[in-house]
Amino acid sequence: MTDRLSYEEKKELPDSVFGLPQRREYPMPDAAHVRAAEAYFRYCPEELKPQLAKAILSRAREYGVDVESPTVLSYVSR
């Protein structure tokens, strides 16, 4: 699997692997996608950032990824 998901691959993913499951945005089926979600965090709507930050940290723990973004971490501690 590459770090880009095709439309078909994304469609097959369960809601539970998305950072924003209600919008099916920020898929994180593996470590590479957790890092991508962290990198694209700034594009998330402000009101959804706390939810996405928590999802990134949760999935990061699952895959052994160190979240380094102070911005993501700041939303979790709010």
PDB file of N, CA and C in Angstrom:
ATOM      1  N   MET A   1       0.842  -1.195   0.000  1.00  0.00           N
ATOM      2  CA  MET A   1       0.000   0.000   0.000  1.00  0.00           C
ATOM      3  C   MET A   1       0.883   1.252   0.000  1.00  0.00           C
ATOM      4  N   THR A   2       0.573   2.170  -0.827  1.00  0.00           N
ATOM      5  CA  THR A   2       1.318   3.425  -0.854  1.00  0.00           C
ATOM      6  C   THR A   2       0.736   4.371   0.187  1.00  0.00           C
ATOM      7  N   ASP A   3       1.312   5.558   0.305  1.00  0.00           N
ATOM      8  CA  ASP A   3       0.752   6.498   1.279  1.00  0.00           C
ATOM      9  C   ASP A   3      -0.425   7.287   0.701  1.00  0.00           C
ATOM     10  N   ARG A   4      -0.795   6.997  -0.543  1.00  0.00           N
ATOM     11  CA  ARG A   4      -1.996   7.604  -1.142  1.00  0.00           C
ATOM     12  C   ARG A   4      -3.048   6.513  -1.275  1.00  0.00           C
ATOM     13  N   LEU A   5      -4.229   6.791  -0.763  1.00  0.00           N
ATOM     14  CA  LEU A   5      -5.327   5.835  -0.902  1.00  0.00           C
ATOM     15  C   LEU A   5      -6.160   6.206  -2.118  1.00  0.00           C
ATOM     16  N   SER A   6      -6.499   5.207  -2.895  1.00  0.00           N
ATOM     17  CA  SER A   6      -7.405   5.460  -4.008  1.00  0.00           C
ATOM     18  C   SER A   6      -8.810   5.668  -3.441  1.00  0.00           C
ATOM     19  N   TYR A   7      -9.691   6.177  -4.267  1.00  0.00           N
ATOM     20  CA  TYR A   7     -11.080   6.364  -3.849  1.00  0.00           C
ATOM     21  C   TYR A   7     -11.668   5.025  -3.400  1.00  0.00           C
ATOM     22  N   GLU A   8     -11.385   3.977  -4.158  1.00  0.00           N
ATOM     23  CA  GLU A   8     -11.916   2.643  -3.826  1.00  0.00           C
ATOM     24  C   GLU A   8     -11.368   2.148  -2.493  1.00  0.00           C
ATOM     25  N   GLU A   9     -10.060   2.330  -2.261  1.00  0.00           N
ATOM     26  CA  GLU A   9      -9.458   1.891  -0.995  1.00  0.00           C
ATOM     27  C   GLU A   9     -10.068   2.662   0.185  1.00  0.00           C
ATOM     28  N   LYS A  10     -10.230   3.964  -0.002  1.00  0.00           N
ATOM     29  CA  LYS A  10     -10.785   4.807   1.061  1.00  0.00           C
ATOM     30  C   LYS A  10     -12.221   4.387   1.369  1.00  0.00           C
ATOM     31  N   LYS A  11     -12.976   4.058   0.318  1.00  0.00           N
ATOM     32  CA  LYS A  11     -14.370   3.658   0.476  1.00  0.00           C
ATOM     33  C   LYS A  11     -14.489   2.374   1.303  1.00  0.00           C
ATOM     34  N   GLU A  12     -13.489   1.498   1.203  1.00  0.00           N
ATOM     35  CA  GLU A  12     -13.508   0.211   1.903  1.00  0.00           C
ATOM     36  C   GLU A  12     -13.161   0.337   3.386  1.00  0.00           C
ATOM     37  N   LEU A  13     -12.556   1.439   3.794  1.00  0.00           N
ATOM     38  CA  LEU A  13     -12.117   1.583   5.183  1.00  0.00           C
ATOM     39  C   LEU A  13     -13.302   1.776   6.122  1.00  0.00           C
ATOM     40  N   PRO A  14     -13.203   1.197   7.326  1.00  0.00           N
ATOM     41  CA  PRO A  14     -14.268   1.424   8.313  1.00  0.00           C
ATOM     42  C   PRO A  14     -14.186   2.850   8.866  1.00  0.00           C
ATOM     43  N   ASP A  15     -15.296   3.390   9.306  1.00  0.00           N
ATOM     44  CA  ASP A  15     -15.313   4.742   9.881  1.00  0.00           C
ATOM     45  C   ASP A  15     -14.298   4.888  11.005  1.00  0.00           C
ATOM     46  N   SER A  16     -14.059   3.809  11.735  1.00  0.00           N
ATOM     47  CA  SER A  16     -13.203   3.871  12.923  1.00  0.00           C
ATOM     48  C   SER A  16     -11.753   4.274  12.639  1.00  0.00           C
ATOM     49  N   VAL A  17     -11.292   4.154  11.406  1.00  0.00           N
ATOM     50  CA  VAL A  17      -9.896   4.530  11.116  1.00  0.00           C
ATOM     51  C   VAL A  17      -9.759   5.986  10.669  1.00  0.00           C
ATOM     52  N   PHE A  18     -10.856   6.712  10.612  1.00  0.00           N
ATOM     53  CA  PHE A  18     -10.797   8.109  10.199  1.00  0.00           C
ATOM     54  C   PHE A  18     -10.657   9.024  11.411  1.00  0.00           C
ATOM     55  N   GLY A  19      -9.861  10.059  11.271  1.00  0.00           N
ATOM     56  CA  GLY A  19      -9.717  11.052  12.326  1.00  0.00           C
ATOM     57  C   GLY A  19     -11.012  11.810  12.557  1.00  0.00           C
ATOM     58  N   LEU A  20     -11.747  12.022  11.471  1.00  0.00           N
ATOM     59  CA  LEU A  20     -13.070  12.663  11.548  1.00  0.00           C
ATOM     60  C   LEU A  20     -14.071  11.705  10.900  1.00  0.00           C
ATOM     61  N   PRO A  21     -14.506  10.685  11.641  1.00  0.00           N
ATOM     62  CA  PRO A  21     -15.357   9.649  11.033  1.00  0.00           C
ATOM     63  C   PRO A  21     -16.674  10.182  10.465  1.00  0.00           C
ATOM     64  N   GLN A  22     -17.235  11.210  11.076  1.00  0.00           N
ATOM     65  CA  GLN A  22     -18.514  11.733  10.581  1.00  0.00           C
ATOM     66  C   GLN A  22     -18.359  12.345   9.193  1.00  0.00           C
ATOM     67  N   ARG A  23     -17.136  12.764   8.851  1.00  0.00           N
ATOM     68  CA  ARG A  23     -16.871  13.338   7.523  1.00  0.00           C
ATOM     69  C   ARG A  23     -16.034  12.394   6.652  1.00  0.00           C
ATOM     70  N   ARG A  24     -15.585  11.280   7.253  1.00  0.00           N
ATOM     71  CA  ARG A  24     -14.694  10.319   6.578  1.00  0.00           C
ATOM     72  C   ARG A  24     -13.470  11.049   6.005  1.00  0.00           C
ATOM     73  N   GLU A  25     -12.860  11.857   6.854  1.00  0.00           N
ATOM     74  CA  GLU A  25     -11.643  12.592   6.490  1.00  0.00           C
ATOM     75  C   GLU A  25     -10.504  12.175   7.419  1.00  0.00           C
ATOM     76  N   TYR A  26      -9.292  12.350   6.950  1.00  0.00           N
ATOM     77  CA  TYR A  26      -8.076  12.008   7.685  1.00  0.00           C
ATOM     78  C   TYR A  26      -8.020  10.510   7.990  1.00  0.00           C
ATOM     79  N   PRO A  27      -7.982   9.667   6.934  1.00  0.00           N
ATOM     80  CA  PRO A  27      -7.877   8.222   7.164  1.00  0.00           C
ATOM     81  C   PRO A  27      -6.519   7.881   7.770  1.00  0.00           C
ATOM     82  N   MET A  28      -6.518   6.978   8.745  1.00  0.00           N
ATOM     83  CA  MET A  28      -5.272   6.562   9.393  1.00  0.00           C
ATOM     84  C   MET A  28      -5.230   5.044   9.551  1.00  0.00           C
ATOM     85  N   PRO A  29      -5.182   4.315   8.413  1.00  0.00           N
ATOM     86  CA  PRO A  29      -5.158   2.853   8.498  1.00  0.00           C
ATOM     87  C   PRO A  29      -3.771   2.285   8.825  1.00  0.00           C
ATOM     88  N   ASP A  30      -2.733   3.141   8.857  1.00  0.00           N
ATOM     89  CA  ASP A  30      -1.381   2.675   9.129  1.00  0.00           C
ATOM     90  C   ASP A  30      -0.528   3.855   9.613  1.00  0.00           C
ATOM     91  N   ALA A  31       0.721   3.564   9.990  1.00  0.00           N
ATOM     92  CA  ALA A  31       1.618   4.587  10.550  1.00  0.00           C
ATOM     93  C   ALA A  31       1.864   5.740   9.584  1.00  0.00           C
ATOM     94  N   ALA A  32       2.021   5.442   8.305  1.00  0.00           N
ATOM     95  CA  ALA A  32       2.285   6.502   7.323  1.00  0.00           C
ATOM     96  C   ALA A  32       1.124   7.502   7.274  1.00  0.00           C
ATOM     97  N   HIS A  33      -0.090   6.994   7.390  1.00  0.00           N
ATOM     98  CA  HIS A  33      -1.253   7.879   7.334  1.00  0.00           C
ATOM     99  C   HIS A  33      -1.445   8.660   8.638  1.00  0.00           C
ATOM    100  N   VAL A  34      -0.981   8.103   9.757  1.00  0.00           N
ATOM    101  CA  VAL A  34      -1.004   8.857  11.015  1.00  0.00           C
ATOM    102  C   VAL A  34      -0.090  10.075  10.858  1.00  0.00           C
ATOM    103  N   ARG A  35       1.098   9.862  10.290  1.00  0.00           N
ATOM    104  CA  ARG A  35       2.034  10.973  10.062  1.00  0.00           C
ATOM    105  C   ARG A  35       1.441  11.990   9.090  1.00  0.00           C
ATOM    106  N   ALA A  36       0.739  11.522   8.076  1.00  0.00           N
ATOM    107  CA  ALA A  36       0.113  12.429   7.108  1.00  0.00           C
ATOM    108  C   ALA A  36      -0.988  13.254   7.782  1.00  0.00           C
ATOM    109  N   ALA A  37      -1.781  12.619   8.639  1.00  0.00           N
ATOM    110  CA  ALA A  37      -2.838  13.346   9.349  1.00  0.00           C
ATOM    111  C   ALA A  37      -2.224  14.432  10.232  1.00  0.00           C
ATOM    112  N   GLU A  38      -1.102  14.108  10.861  1.00  0.00           N
ATOM    113  CA  GLU A  38      -0.408  15.105  11.676  1.00  0.00           C
ATOM    114  C   GLU A  38       0.069  16.263  10.796  1.00  0.00           C
ATOM    115  N   ALA A  39       0.608  15.940   9.636  1.00  0.00           N
ATOM    116  CA  ALA A  39       1.117  16.969   8.722  1.00  0.00           C
ATOM    117  C   ALA A  39       0.010  17.864   8.171  1.00  0.00           C
ATOM    118  N   TYR A  40      -1.161  17.294   7.957  1.00  0.00           N
ATOM    119  CA  TYR A  40      -2.278  18.057   7.376  1.00  0.00           C
ATOM    120  C   TYR A  40      -3.234  18.613   8.427  1.00  0.00           C
ATOM    121  N   PHE A  41      -2.873  18.481   9.685  1.00  0.00           N
ATOM    122  CA  PHE A  41      -3.731  18.924  10.785  1.00  0.00           C
ATOM    123  C   PHE A  41      -4.169  20.378  10.627  1.00  0.00           C
ATOM    124  N   ARG A  42      -3.286  21.227  10.137  1.00  0.00           N
ATOM    125  CA  ARG A  42      -3.595  22.670  10.030  1.00  0.00           C
ATOM    126  C   ARG A  42      -4.766  22.959   9.103  1.00  0.00           C
ATOM    127  N   TYR A  43      -5.106  22.020   8.222  1.00  0.00           N
ATOM    128  CA  TYR A  43      -6.221  22.236   7.296  1.00  0.00           C
ATOM    129  C   TYR A  43      -7.575  21.845   7.895  1.00  0.00           C
ATOM    130  N   CYS A  44      -7.554  21.252   9.059  1.00  0.00           N
ATOM    131  CA  CYS A  44      -8.786  20.816   9.715  1.00  0.00           C
ATOM    132  C   CYS A  44      -9.567  22.044  10.197  1.00  0.00           C
ATOM    133  N   PRO A  45     -10.893  22.046  10.048  1.00  0.00           N
ATOM    134  CA  PRO A  45     -11.686  23.167  10.583  1.00  0.00           C
ATOM    135  C   PRO A  45     -11.433  23.324  12.089  1.00  0.00           C
ATOM    136  N   GLU A  46     -11.317  24.549  12.521  1.00  0.00           N
ATOM    137  CA  GLU A  46     -10.966  24.863  13.922  1.00  0.00           C
ATOM    138  C   GLU A  46     -11.823  24.099  14.937  1.00  0.00           C
ATOM    139  N   GLU A  47     -13.123  24.041  14.706  1.00  0.00           N
ATOM    140  CA  GLU A  47     -14.010  23.409  15.688  1.00  0.00           C
ATOM    141  C   GLU A  47     -13.834  21.890  15.763  1.00  0.00           C
ATOM    142  N   LEU A  48     -13.176  21.298  14.770  1.00  0.00           N
ATOM    143  CA  LEU A  48     -12.961  19.846  14.762  1.00  0.00           C
ATOM    144  C   LEU A  48     -11.547  19.449  15.186  1.00  0.00           C
ATOM    145  N   LYS A  49     -10.678  20.426  15.378  1.00  0.00           N
ATOM    146  CA  LYS A  49      -9.285  20.122  15.726  1.00  0.00           C
ATOM    147  C   LYS A  49      -9.126  19.323  17.017  1.00  0.00           C
ATOM    148  N   PRO A  50      -9.878  19.624  18.087  1.00  0.00           N
ATOM    149  CA  PRO A  50      -9.713  18.793  19.294  1.00  0.00           C
ATOM    150  C   PRO A  50     -10.029  17.310  19.035  1.00  0.00           C
ATOM    151  N   GLN A  51     -11.081  17.045  18.293  1.00  0.00           N
ATOM    152  CA  GLN A  51     -11.449  15.659  17.972  1.00  0.00           C
ATOM    153  C   GLN A  51     -10.354  14.989  17.136  1.00  0.00           C
ATOM    154  N   LEU A  52      -9.862  15.696  16.128  1.00  0.00           N
ATOM    155  CA  LEU A  52      -8.825  15.119  15.264  1.00  0.00           C
ATOM    156  C   LEU A  52      -7.538  14.894  16.040  1.00  0.00           C
ATOM    157  N   ALA A  53      -7.164  15.835  16.899  1.00  0.00           N
ATOM    158  CA  ALA A  53      -5.930  15.684  17.679  1.00  0.00           C
ATOM    159  C   ALA A  53      -5.997  14.433  18.548  1.00  0.00           C
ATOM    160  N   LYS A  54      -7.122  14.202  19.203  1.00  0.00           N
ATOM    161  CA  LYS A  54      -7.284  13.004  20.040  1.00  0.00           C
ATOM    162  C   LYS A  54      -7.195  11.732  19.195  1.00  0.00           C
ATOM    163  N   ALA A  55      -7.807  11.765  18.011  1.00  0.00           N
ATOM    164  CA  ALA A  55      -7.763  10.594  17.125  1.00  0.00           C
ATOM    165  C   ALA A  55      -6.330  10.323  16.654  1.00  0.00           C
ATOM    166  N   ILE A  56      -5.598  11.380  16.310  1.00  0.00           N
ATOM    167  CA  ILE A  56      -4.207  11.210  15.871  1.00  0.00           C
ATOM    168  C   ILE A  56      -3.386  10.574  16.986  1.00  0.00           C
ATOM    169  N   LEU A  57      -3.517  11.081  18.206  1.00  0.00           N
ATOM    170  CA  LEU A  57      -2.738  10.512  19.314  1.00  0.00           C
ATOM    171  C   LEU A  57      -3.114   9.062  19.582  1.00  0.00           C
ATOM    172  N   SER A  58      -4.389   8.762  19.501  1.00  0.00           N
ATOM    173  CA  SER A  58      -4.848   7.396  19.738  1.00  0.00           C
ATOM    174  C   SER A  58      -4.279   6.437  18.692  1.00  0.00           C
ATOM    175  N   ARG A  59      -4.397   6.813  17.432  1.00  0.00           N
ATOM    176  CA  ARG A  59      -3.877   5.958  16.348  1.00  0.00           C
ATOM    177  C   ARG A  59      -2.341   5.905  16.386  1.00  0.00           C
ATOM    178  N   ALA A  60      -1.704   7.006  16.772  1.00  0.00           N
ATOM    179  CA  ALA A  60      -0.243   7.041  16.868  1.00  0.00           C
ATOM    180  C   ALA A  60       0.244   6.030  17.904  1.00  0.00           C
ATOM    181  N   ARG A  61      -0.434   5.976  19.043  1.00  0.00           N
ATOM    182  CA  ARG A  61      -0.067   4.989  20.073  1.00  0.00           C
ATOM    183  C   ARG A  61      -0.206   3.568  19.522  1.00  0.00           C
ATOM    184  N   GLU A  62      -1.286   3.352  18.787  1.00  0.00           N
ATOM    185  CA  GLU A  62      -1.548   2.029  18.215  1.00  0.00           C
ATOM    186  C   GLU A  62      -0.422   1.583  17.278  1.00  0.00           C
ATOM    187  N   TYR A  63       0.134   2.524  16.512  1.00  0.00           N
ATOM    188  CA  TYR A  63       1.155   2.186  15.517  1.00  0.00           C
ATOM    189  C   TYR A  63       2.574   2.545  15.955  1.00  0.00           C
ATOM    190  N   GLY A  64       2.745   3.011  17.180  1.00  0.00           N
ATOM    191  CA  GLY A  64       4.078   3.343  17.668  1.00  0.00           C
ATOM    192  C   GLY A  64       4.677   4.571  17.006  1.00  0.00           C
ATOM    193  N   VAL A  65       3.836   5.536  16.646  1.00  0.00           N
ATOM    194  CA  VAL A  65       4.302   6.768  16.002  1.00  0.00           C
ATOM    195  C   VAL A  65       4.428   7.851  17.074  1.00  0.00           C
ATOM    196  N   ASP A  66       5.547   8.577  17.067  1.00  0.00           N
ATOM    197  CA  ASP A  66       5.729   9.701  17.981  1.00  0.00           C
ATOM    198  C   ASP A  66       5.122  10.949  17.356  1.00  0.00           C
ATOM    199  N   VAL A  67       4.123  11.511  18.009  1.00  0.00           N
ATOM    200  CA  VAL A  67       3.521  12.758  17.531  1.00  0.00           C
ATOM    201  C   VAL A  67       4.397  13.893  18.027  1.00  0.00           C
ATOM    202  N   GLU A  68       4.935  14.668  17.093  1.00  0.00           N
ATOM    203  CA  GLU A  68       5.881  15.721  17.447  1.00  0.00           C
ATOM    204  C   GLU A  68       5.307  17.119  17.304  1.00  0.00           C
ATOM    205  N   SER A  69       4.163  17.251  16.652  1.00  0.00           N
ATOM    206  CA  SER A  69       3.596  18.570  16.405  1.00  0.00           C
ATOM    207  C   SER A  69       3.104  19.217  17.700  1.00  0.00           C
ATOM    208  N   PRO A  70       3.711  20.349  18.099  1.00  0.00           N
ATOM    209  CA  PRO A  70       3.228  21.033  19.303  1.00  0.00           C
ATOM    210  C   PRO A  70       1.778  21.491  19.138  1.00  0.00           C
ATOM    211  N   THR A  71       1.370  21.778  17.920  1.00  0.00           N
ATOM    212  CA  THR A  71      -0.001  22.212  17.668  1.00  0.00           C
ATOM    213  C   THR A  71      -0.984  21.086  17.971  1.00  0.00           C
ATOM    214  N   VAL A  72      -0.713  19.897  17.439  1.00  0.00           N
ATOM    215  CA  VAL A  72      -1.592  18.749  17.706  1.00  0.00           C
ATOM    216  C   VAL A  72      -1.631  18.481  19.212  1.00  0.00           C
ATOM    217  N   LEU A  73      -0.467  18.457  19.837  1.00  0.00           N
ATOM    218  CA  LEU A  73      -0.410  18.173  21.269  1.00  0.00           C
ATOM    219  C   LEU A  73      -1.141  19.225  22.095  1.00  0.00           C
ATOM    220  N   SER A  74      -1.094  20.464  21.661  1.00  0.00           N
ATOM    221  CA  SER A  74      -1.770  21.540  22.414  1.00  0.00           C
ATOM    222  C   SER A  74      -3.293  21.365  22.390  1.00  0.00           C
ATOM    223  N   TYR A  75      -3.842  20.810  21.318  1.00  0.00           N
ATOM    224  CA  TYR A  75      -5.282  20.605  21.251  1.00  0.00           C
ATOM    225  C   TYR A  75      -5.743  19.454  22.145  1.00  0.00           C
ATOM    226  N   VAL A  76      -4.866  18.522  22.398  1.00  0.00           N
ATOM    227  CA  VAL A  76      -5.238  17.385  23.255  1.00  0.00           C
ATOM    228  C   VAL A  76      -5.285  17.819  24.710  1.00  0.00           C
ATOM    229  N   SER A  77      -4.407  18.741  25.083  1.00  0.00           N
ATOM    230  CA  SER A  77      -4.322  19.145  26.494  1.00  0.00           C
ATOM    231  C   SER A  77      -5.352  20.208  26.875  1.00  0.00           C
ATOM    232  N   ARG A  78      -6.203  20.603  25.942  1.00  0.00           N
ATOM    233  CA  ARG A  78      -7.212  21.645  26.238  1.00  0.00           C
ATOM    234  C   ARG A  78      -8.385  21.067  26.984  1.00  0.00           C
TER     235      ARG A  78
END
